[in-house]
Each structure stands twice: as C-alpha cells, then as structure tokens.
C-alpha cells in the first residue's frame, strides 16, 4: 500500500520552478493537464494513464510512449526500490520531518558508500 504525502501533487509545480531541466520524467500519478501546464519549456515525459469514461484505454502510440519512458526511468527507480527494501525507507521509523530527513540522508549515504566499496573491490 502506498501512502501519499499531503500536498505532494502541489509540490510538482515547486520542483519544476526550482530545478532547471530539459525533460521531466514522471510516473502516471502526475498525469494531469495542470502538471503539463507547469512544465513550462521542459519536454513532457509524464506517462499517460487510463481514465474512466469515454476514453477507457490507451492507444498503441501511448502504450509505446509509456514503455519507452519506463526504460528511461528504470535505472533511477531501481535505486529507490533498493533504498526502500534494504535501507528501511519504505516507512519512516522516526517522527518529525527533521528526524525522517536524517534517516533518509543516512540511508542514502550508507547505500552510496557500500556501492563505492563494491565498485572499488570489483576494479582492484
């Protein structure tokens, strides 16, 4: 079960405004006209989602677009999967934003250190 941070969709506008990017890659949860408008000059890399009503299925071009976007997103998504599974980031252990931020920072730091050690051993 996924838990959504309150106001997460509203944060999309803020992220786009702060980080200069050429293309925004996002999953189906961000598929809306409002988010496409917030892209400004950035290319649309938001995956399409099936909606209810008249348009109940994606056409072949949209399905292929989603597949190609998934291939682009998969390397970074694997890192988030590893952090959630092996570094206990799937659920916050502590309460409070500061402590949760520290937990995430330490988890990412240990993940990167272990990857560096493994890469060094592999190339030694």
N, C-alpha and C. Protein backbone atom coordinates (compact mmCIF):
# COMPACT_ATOMS: atom_id res chain seq x y z
N UNK A 1 0.84 -1.17 0.00
CA UNK A 1 0.00 0.00 0.00
C UNK A 1 0.89 1.24 0.00
N UNK A 2 0.60 2.17 -0.86
CA UNK A 2 1.39 3.39 -0.95
C UNK A 2 0.70 4.50 -0.16
N UNK A 3 1.48 5.26 0.54
CA UNK A 3 0.97 6.41 1.28
C UNK A 3 1.42 7.67 0.56
N UNK A 4 0.52 8.60 0.38
CA UNK A 4 0.81 9.83 -0.34
C UNK A 4 0.99 10.96 0.66
N UNK A 5 2.05 11.72 0.47
CA UNK A 5 2.29 12.88 1.31
C UNK A 5 1.26 13.94 0.97
N UNK A 6 0.68 14.54 1.99
CA UNK A 6 -0.32 15.58 1.74
C UNK A 6 0.31 16.72 0.96
N UNK A 7 -0.31 17.11 -0.13
CA UNK A 7 0.20 18.20 -0.95
C UNK A 7 1.29 17.78 -1.92
N UNK A 8 1.49 16.48 -2.10
CA UNK A 8 2.56 16.01 -2.98
C UNK A 8 2.34 16.49 -4.41
N UNK A 9 1.13 16.44 -4.90
CA UNK A 9 0.87 16.87 -6.27
C UNK A 9 1.09 18.37 -6.41
N UNK A 10 0.81 19.14 -5.37
CA UNK A 10 1.06 20.58 -5.43
C UNK A 10 2.56 20.87 -5.45
N UNK A 11 3.35 19.98 -4.91
CA UNK A 11 4.80 20.19 -4.89
C UNK A 11 5.40 20.07 -6.29
N UNK A 12 4.70 19.46 -7.22
CA UNK A 12 5.19 19.31 -8.59
C UNK A 12 5.54 20.67 -9.18
N UNK A 13 4.66 21.65 -9.00
CA UNK A 13 4.92 23.00 -9.53
C UNK A 13 6.20 23.57 -8.95
N UNK A 14 6.39 23.41 -7.65
CA UNK A 14 7.58 23.95 -6.99
C UNK A 14 8.86 23.30 -7.47
N UNK A 15 8.82 21.98 -7.70
CA UNK A 15 10.01 21.27 -8.16
C UNK A 15 10.41 21.74 -9.56
N UNK A 16 9.44 21.92 -10.41
CA UNK A 16 9.72 22.35 -11.79
C UNK A 16 10.30 23.76 -11.79
N UNK A 17 9.80 24.62 -10.92
CA UNK A 17 10.26 26.01 -10.88
C UNK A 17 11.70 26.11 -10.37
N UNK A 18 12.12 25.23 -9.46
CA UNK A 18 13.43 25.33 -8.83
C UNK A 18 14.53 24.67 -9.65
N UNK A 19 14.26 23.52 -10.22
CA UNK A 19 15.28 22.74 -10.90
C UNK A 19 15.19 22.96 -12.41
N UNK A 20 16.23 23.54 -13.03
CA UNK A 20 16.19 23.71 -14.48
C UNK A 20 16.43 22.37 -15.20
N UNK A 21 15.46 21.93 -15.98
CA UNK A 21 15.56 20.64 -16.65
C UNK A 21 15.10 20.77 -18.11
N UNK A 22 15.55 19.84 -18.94
CA UNK A 22 15.10 19.79 -20.33
C UNK A 22 13.86 18.92 -20.48
N UNK A 23 13.85 17.78 -19.76
CA UNK A 23 12.73 16.84 -19.83
C UNK A 23 12.36 16.41 -18.43
N UNK A 24 11.09 16.35 -18.15
CA UNK A 24 10.61 15.89 -16.84
C UNK A 24 10.06 14.48 -17.03
N UNK A 25 10.67 13.49 -16.34
CA UNK A 25 10.18 12.12 -16.36
C UNK A 25 9.38 11.89 -15.09
N UNK A 26 8.13 11.48 -15.24
CA UNK A 26 7.28 11.26 -14.07
C UNK A 26 6.35 10.09 -14.34
N UNK A 27 5.89 9.46 -13.26
CA UNK A 27 5.00 8.31 -13.42
C UNK A 27 3.56 8.75 -13.65
N UNK A 28 2.67 7.78 -13.74
CA UNK A 28 1.28 8.04 -14.10
C UNK A 28 0.53 8.84 -13.05
N UNK A 29 1.05 8.88 -11.83
CA UNK A 29 0.39 9.64 -10.77
C UNK A 29 0.39 11.14 -11.04
N UNK A 30 1.26 11.60 -11.92
CA UNK A 30 1.36 13.03 -12.22
C UNK A 30 0.70 13.38 -13.55
N UNK A 31 -0.07 12.46 -14.12
CA UNK A 31 -0.72 12.68 -15.41
C UNK A 31 -1.94 13.58 -15.23
N UNK A 32 -1.75 14.88 -15.47
CA UNK A 32 -2.86 15.83 -15.42
C UNK A 32 -2.53 17.03 -16.29
N UNK A 33 -3.57 17.73 -16.71
CA UNK A 33 -3.37 18.94 -17.53
C UNK A 33 -2.64 20.00 -16.72
N UNK A 34 -2.93 20.09 -15.43
CA UNK A 34 -2.28 21.09 -14.57
C UNK A 34 -0.76 20.87 -14.54
N UNK A 35 -0.34 19.61 -14.40
CA UNK A 35 1.10 19.33 -14.34
C UNK A 35 1.77 19.55 -15.69
N UNK A 36 1.07 19.25 -16.77
CA UNK A 36 1.64 19.51 -18.10
C UNK A 36 1.82 21.00 -18.33
N UNK A 37 0.89 21.78 -17.82
CA UNK A 37 0.99 23.23 -17.95
C UNK A 37 2.17 23.75 -17.12
N UNK A 38 2.42 23.13 -15.96
CA UNK A 38 3.51 23.56 -15.08
C UNK A 38 4.88 23.26 -15.67
N UNK A 39 4.95 22.40 -16.68
CA UNK A 39 6.24 22.06 -17.28
C UNK A 39 6.92 23.26 -17.91
N UNK A 40 6.16 24.22 -18.35
CA UNK A 40 6.75 25.40 -19.00
C UNK A 40 7.45 24.99 -20.27
N UNK A 41 8.76 25.24 -20.34
CA UNK A 41 9.53 24.93 -21.54
C UNK A 41 10.11 23.53 -21.54
N UNK A 42 9.97 22.78 -20.46
CA UNK A 42 10.52 21.43 -20.39
C UNK A 42 9.68 20.47 -21.22
N UNK A 43 10.35 19.44 -21.78
CA UNK A 43 9.64 18.43 -22.56
C UNK A 43 8.82 17.54 -21.63
N UNK A 44 7.69 17.11 -22.13
CA UNK A 44 6.76 16.29 -21.35
C UNK A 44 7.21 14.83 -21.35
N UNK A 45 7.62 14.34 -20.18
CA UNK A 45 7.97 12.94 -20.02
C UNK A 45 7.08 12.27 -19.01
N UNK A 46 5.85 12.78 -18.86
CA UNK A 46 4.89 12.22 -17.91
C UNK A 46 4.16 11.07 -18.59
N UNK A 47 4.17 9.92 -17.95
CA UNK A 47 3.50 8.76 -18.52
C UNK A 47 1.98 8.97 -18.54
N UNK A 48 1.32 8.40 -19.53
CA UNK A 48 -0.13 8.53 -19.65
C UNK A 48 -0.81 7.44 -18.83
N UNK A 49 -1.99 7.78 -18.31
CA UNK A 49 -2.75 6.80 -17.54
C UNK A 49 -4.13 6.63 -18.13
N UNK A 50 -4.68 5.47 -17.93
CA UNK A 50 -6.03 5.18 -18.41
C UNK A 50 -7.01 5.95 -17.54
N UNK A 51 -7.99 6.58 -18.17
CA UNK A 51 -9.00 7.32 -17.42
C UNK A 51 -10.36 6.66 -17.60
N UNK A 52 -11.25 6.98 -16.70
CA UNK A 52 -12.61 6.44 -16.80
C UNK A 52 -13.40 7.24 -17.81
N UNK A 53 -14.48 6.65 -18.26
CA UNK A 53 -15.38 7.38 -19.14
C UNK A 53 -15.20 7.02 -20.60
N UNK A 54 -15.25 8.04 -21.44
CA UNK A 54 -15.22 7.81 -22.88
C UNK A 54 -13.92 7.17 -23.34
N UNK A 55 -12.82 7.56 -22.74
CA UNK A 55 -11.52 7.07 -23.18
C UNK A 55 -11.01 6.06 -22.16
N UNK A 56 -11.44 4.83 -22.30
CA UNK A 56 -11.15 3.82 -21.29
C UNK A 56 -9.85 3.07 -21.52
N UNK A 57 -9.17 3.29 -22.64
CA UNK A 57 -7.93 2.57 -22.91
C UNK A 57 -6.95 3.49 -23.63
N UNK A 58 -5.67 3.18 -23.48
CA UNK A 58 -4.64 3.93 -24.20
C UNK A 58 -4.49 3.38 -25.60
N UNK A 59 -4.21 4.24 -26.57
CA UNK A 59 -3.98 3.75 -27.92
C UNK A 59 -2.56 3.19 -28.03
N UNK A 60 -2.23 2.61 -29.16
CA UNK A 60 -0.92 1.96 -29.33
C UNK A 60 0.24 2.93 -29.18
N UNK A 61 0.09 4.14 -29.69
CA UNK A 61 1.17 5.14 -29.58
C UNK A 61 1.43 5.51 -28.12
N UNK A 62 0.36 5.65 -27.34
CA UNK A 62 0.52 5.99 -25.91
C UNK A 62 1.14 4.83 -25.13
N UNK A 63 0.76 3.61 -25.48
CA UNK A 63 1.35 2.44 -24.82
C UNK A 63 2.85 2.36 -25.11
N UNK A 64 3.24 2.60 -26.36
CA UNK A 64 4.65 2.58 -26.73
C UNK A 64 5.40 3.72 -26.05
N UNK A 65 4.77 4.88 -25.94
CA UNK A 65 5.38 6.01 -25.25
C UNK A 65 5.63 5.66 -23.79
N UNK A 66 4.66 5.05 -23.12
CA UNK A 66 4.83 4.64 -21.73
C UNK A 66 5.97 3.63 -21.59
N UNK A 67 6.06 2.68 -22.53
CA UNK A 67 7.14 1.69 -22.48
C UNK A 67 8.51 2.36 -22.60
N UNK A 68 8.63 3.29 -23.54
CA UNK A 68 9.93 3.94 -23.72
C UNK A 68 10.28 4.83 -22.52
N UNK A 69 9.28 5.49 -21.94
CA UNK A 69 9.54 6.29 -20.74
C UNK A 69 9.93 5.40 -19.56
N UNK A 70 9.32 4.22 -19.47
CA UNK A 70 9.68 3.28 -18.40
C UNK A 70 11.13 2.85 -18.51
N UNK A 71 11.60 2.63 -19.73
CA UNK A 71 13.00 2.25 -19.92
C UNK A 71 13.94 3.36 -19.48
N UNK A 72 13.55 4.60 -19.72
CA UNK A 72 14.38 5.73 -19.30
C UNK A 72 14.38 5.90 -17.78
N UNK A 73 13.23 5.64 -17.15
CA UNK A 73 13.11 5.85 -15.72
C UNK A 73 13.65 4.68 -14.89
N UNK A 74 13.76 3.50 -15.45
CA UNK A 74 14.07 2.30 -14.67
C UNK A 74 15.41 2.34 -13.93
N UNK A 75 16.49 2.91 -14.48
CA UNK A 75 17.74 2.91 -13.69
C UNK A 75 17.62 3.66 -12.37
N UNK A 76 16.96 4.80 -12.37
CA UNK A 76 16.83 5.54 -11.11
C UNK A 76 15.76 4.93 -10.21
N UNK A 77 14.72 4.35 -10.78
CA UNK A 77 13.68 3.72 -9.97
C UNK A 77 14.23 2.53 -9.19
N UNK A 78 15.19 1.82 -9.77
CA UNK A 78 15.81 0.69 -9.08
C UNK A 78 16.52 1.11 -7.80
N UNK A 79 17.10 2.30 -7.81
CA UNK A 79 17.77 2.82 -6.62
C UNK A 79 16.76 3.07 -5.51
N UNK A 80 15.61 3.67 -5.86
CA UNK A 80 14.59 3.91 -4.86
C UNK A 80 14.04 2.60 -4.31
N UNK A 81 13.93 1.60 -5.16
CA UNK A 81 13.48 0.28 -4.72
C UNK A 81 14.45 -0.31 -3.70
N UNK A 82 15.75 -0.21 -4.01
CA UNK A 82 16.76 -0.74 -3.09
C UNK A 82 16.75 0.01 -1.77
N UNK A 83 16.60 1.32 -1.83
CA UNK A 83 16.55 2.10 -0.60
C UNK A 83 15.34 1.73 0.25
N UNK A 84 14.21 1.51 -0.38
CA UNK A 84 13.01 1.14 0.37
C UNK A 84 13.14 -0.26 0.95
N UNK A 85 13.68 -1.18 0.19
CA UNK A 85 13.74 -2.56 0.63
C UNK A 85 14.87 -2.82 1.62
N UNK A 86 16.07 -2.36 1.31
CA UNK A 86 17.23 -2.73 2.11
C UNK A 86 17.64 -1.69 3.13
N UNK A 87 17.22 -0.46 2.96
CA UNK A 87 17.61 0.60 3.90
C UNK A 87 16.43 1.10 4.71
N UNK A 88 15.33 0.38 4.70
CA UNK A 88 14.15 0.67 5.51
C UNK A 88 13.55 2.04 5.25
N UNK A 89 13.54 2.47 4.01
CA UNK A 89 12.94 3.76 3.69
C UNK A 89 11.51 3.64 3.19
N UNK A 90 10.95 2.46 3.20
CA UNK A 90 9.57 2.29 2.79
C UNK A 90 8.60 2.92 3.77
N UNK A 91 9.03 3.04 5.02
CA UNK A 91 8.21 3.63 6.06
C UNK A 91 9.13 4.38 7.01
N UNK A 92 8.71 5.54 7.44
CA UNK A 92 9.53 6.33 8.36
C UNK A 92 9.59 5.66 9.72
N UNK A 93 10.79 5.52 10.25
CA UNK A 93 10.98 4.90 11.56
C UNK A 93 10.79 5.94 12.66
N UNK A 94 11.14 7.17 12.36
CA UNK A 94 11.08 8.24 13.35
C UNK A 94 9.90 9.16 13.08
N UNK A 95 9.61 10.03 14.05
CA UNK A 95 8.56 11.03 13.86
C UNK A 95 9.22 12.39 13.73
N UNK A 96 8.60 13.24 12.96
CA UNK A 96 9.13 14.58 12.76
C UNK A 96 9.93 14.66 11.46
N UNK A 97 9.79 15.78 10.79
CA UNK A 97 10.44 15.95 9.49
C UNK A 97 11.95 15.91 9.60
N UNK A 98 12.51 16.52 10.63
CA UNK A 98 13.97 16.57 10.77
C UNK A 98 14.54 15.17 10.93
N UNK A 99 13.93 14.37 11.79
CA UNK A 99 14.44 13.01 12.02
C UNK A 99 14.25 12.11 10.81
N UNK A 100 13.14 12.25 10.12
CA UNK A 100 12.91 11.45 8.91
C UNK A 100 13.91 11.86 7.83
N UNK A 101 14.18 13.15 7.72
CA UNK A 101 15.18 13.63 6.76
C UNK A 101 16.55 13.05 7.10
N UNK A 102 16.91 13.03 8.38
CA UNK A 102 18.19 12.44 8.79
C UNK A 102 18.24 10.96 8.48
N UNK A 103 17.13 10.25 8.71
CA UNK A 103 17.08 8.83 8.39
C UNK A 103 17.32 8.60 6.90
N UNK A 104 16.65 9.39 6.06
CA UNK A 104 16.81 9.23 4.61
C UNK A 104 18.23 9.59 4.18
N UNK A 105 18.77 10.66 4.74
CA UNK A 105 20.13 11.08 4.38
C UNK A 105 21.15 10.01 4.74
N UNK A 106 21.04 9.45 5.94
CA UNK A 106 21.98 8.40 6.35
C UNK A 106 21.80 7.13 5.51
N UNK A 107 20.57 6.81 5.16
CA UNK A 107 20.33 5.63 4.32
C UNK A 107 20.97 5.80 2.95
N UNK A 108 20.82 6.97 2.35
CA UNK A 108 21.41 7.23 1.04
C UNK A 108 22.93 7.23 1.15
N UNK A 109 23.46 7.82 2.21
CA UNK A 109 24.90 7.86 2.42
C UNK A 109 25.48 6.45 2.54
N UNK A 110 24.86 5.60 3.37
CA UNK A 110 25.37 4.24 3.51
C UNK A 110 25.23 3.45 2.21
N UNK A 111 24.14 3.67 1.49
CA UNK A 111 23.96 3.00 0.21
C UNK A 111 25.09 3.36 -0.75
N UNK A 112 25.39 4.67 -0.84
CA UNK A 112 26.45 5.12 -1.75
C UNK A 112 27.83 4.64 -1.31
N UNK A 113 28.08 4.62 -0.01
CA UNK A 113 29.38 4.13 0.48
C UNK A 113 29.56 2.65 0.16
N UNK A 114 28.53 1.86 0.38
CA UNK A 114 28.61 0.43 0.08
C UNK A 114 28.79 0.19 -1.42
N UNK A 115 28.10 0.98 -2.26
CA UNK A 115 28.28 0.85 -3.70
C UNK A 115 29.71 1.21 -4.11
N UNK A 116 30.27 2.25 -3.48
CA UNK A 116 31.65 2.65 -3.79
C UNK A 116 32.63 1.58 -3.39
N UNK A 117 32.43 0.96 -2.24
CA UNK A 117 33.32 -0.13 -1.79
C UNK A 117 33.24 -1.30 -2.75
N UNK A 118 32.03 -1.67 -3.15
CA UNK A 118 31.87 -2.79 -4.07
C UNK A 118 32.50 -2.50 -5.42
N UNK A 119 32.35 -1.28 -5.92
CA UNK A 119 32.97 -0.92 -7.19
C UNK A 119 34.49 -0.92 -7.10
N UNK A 120 35.00 -0.46 -5.97
CA UNK A 120 36.47 -0.43 -5.78
C UNK A 120 37.03 -1.86 -5.74
N UNK A 121 36.34 -2.75 -5.02
CA UNK A 121 36.77 -4.14 -4.95
C UNK A 121 36.68 -4.82 -6.31
N UNK A 122 35.66 -4.45 -7.08
CA UNK A 122 35.47 -5.06 -8.40
C UNK A 122 36.60 -4.66 -9.36
N UNK A 123 37.07 -3.43 -9.26
CA UNK A 123 38.09 -2.92 -10.17
C UNK A 123 39.52 -3.01 -9.60
N UNK A 124 39.65 -3.60 -8.42
CA UNK A 124 41.00 -3.72 -7.83
C UNK A 124 41.73 -4.96 -8.30
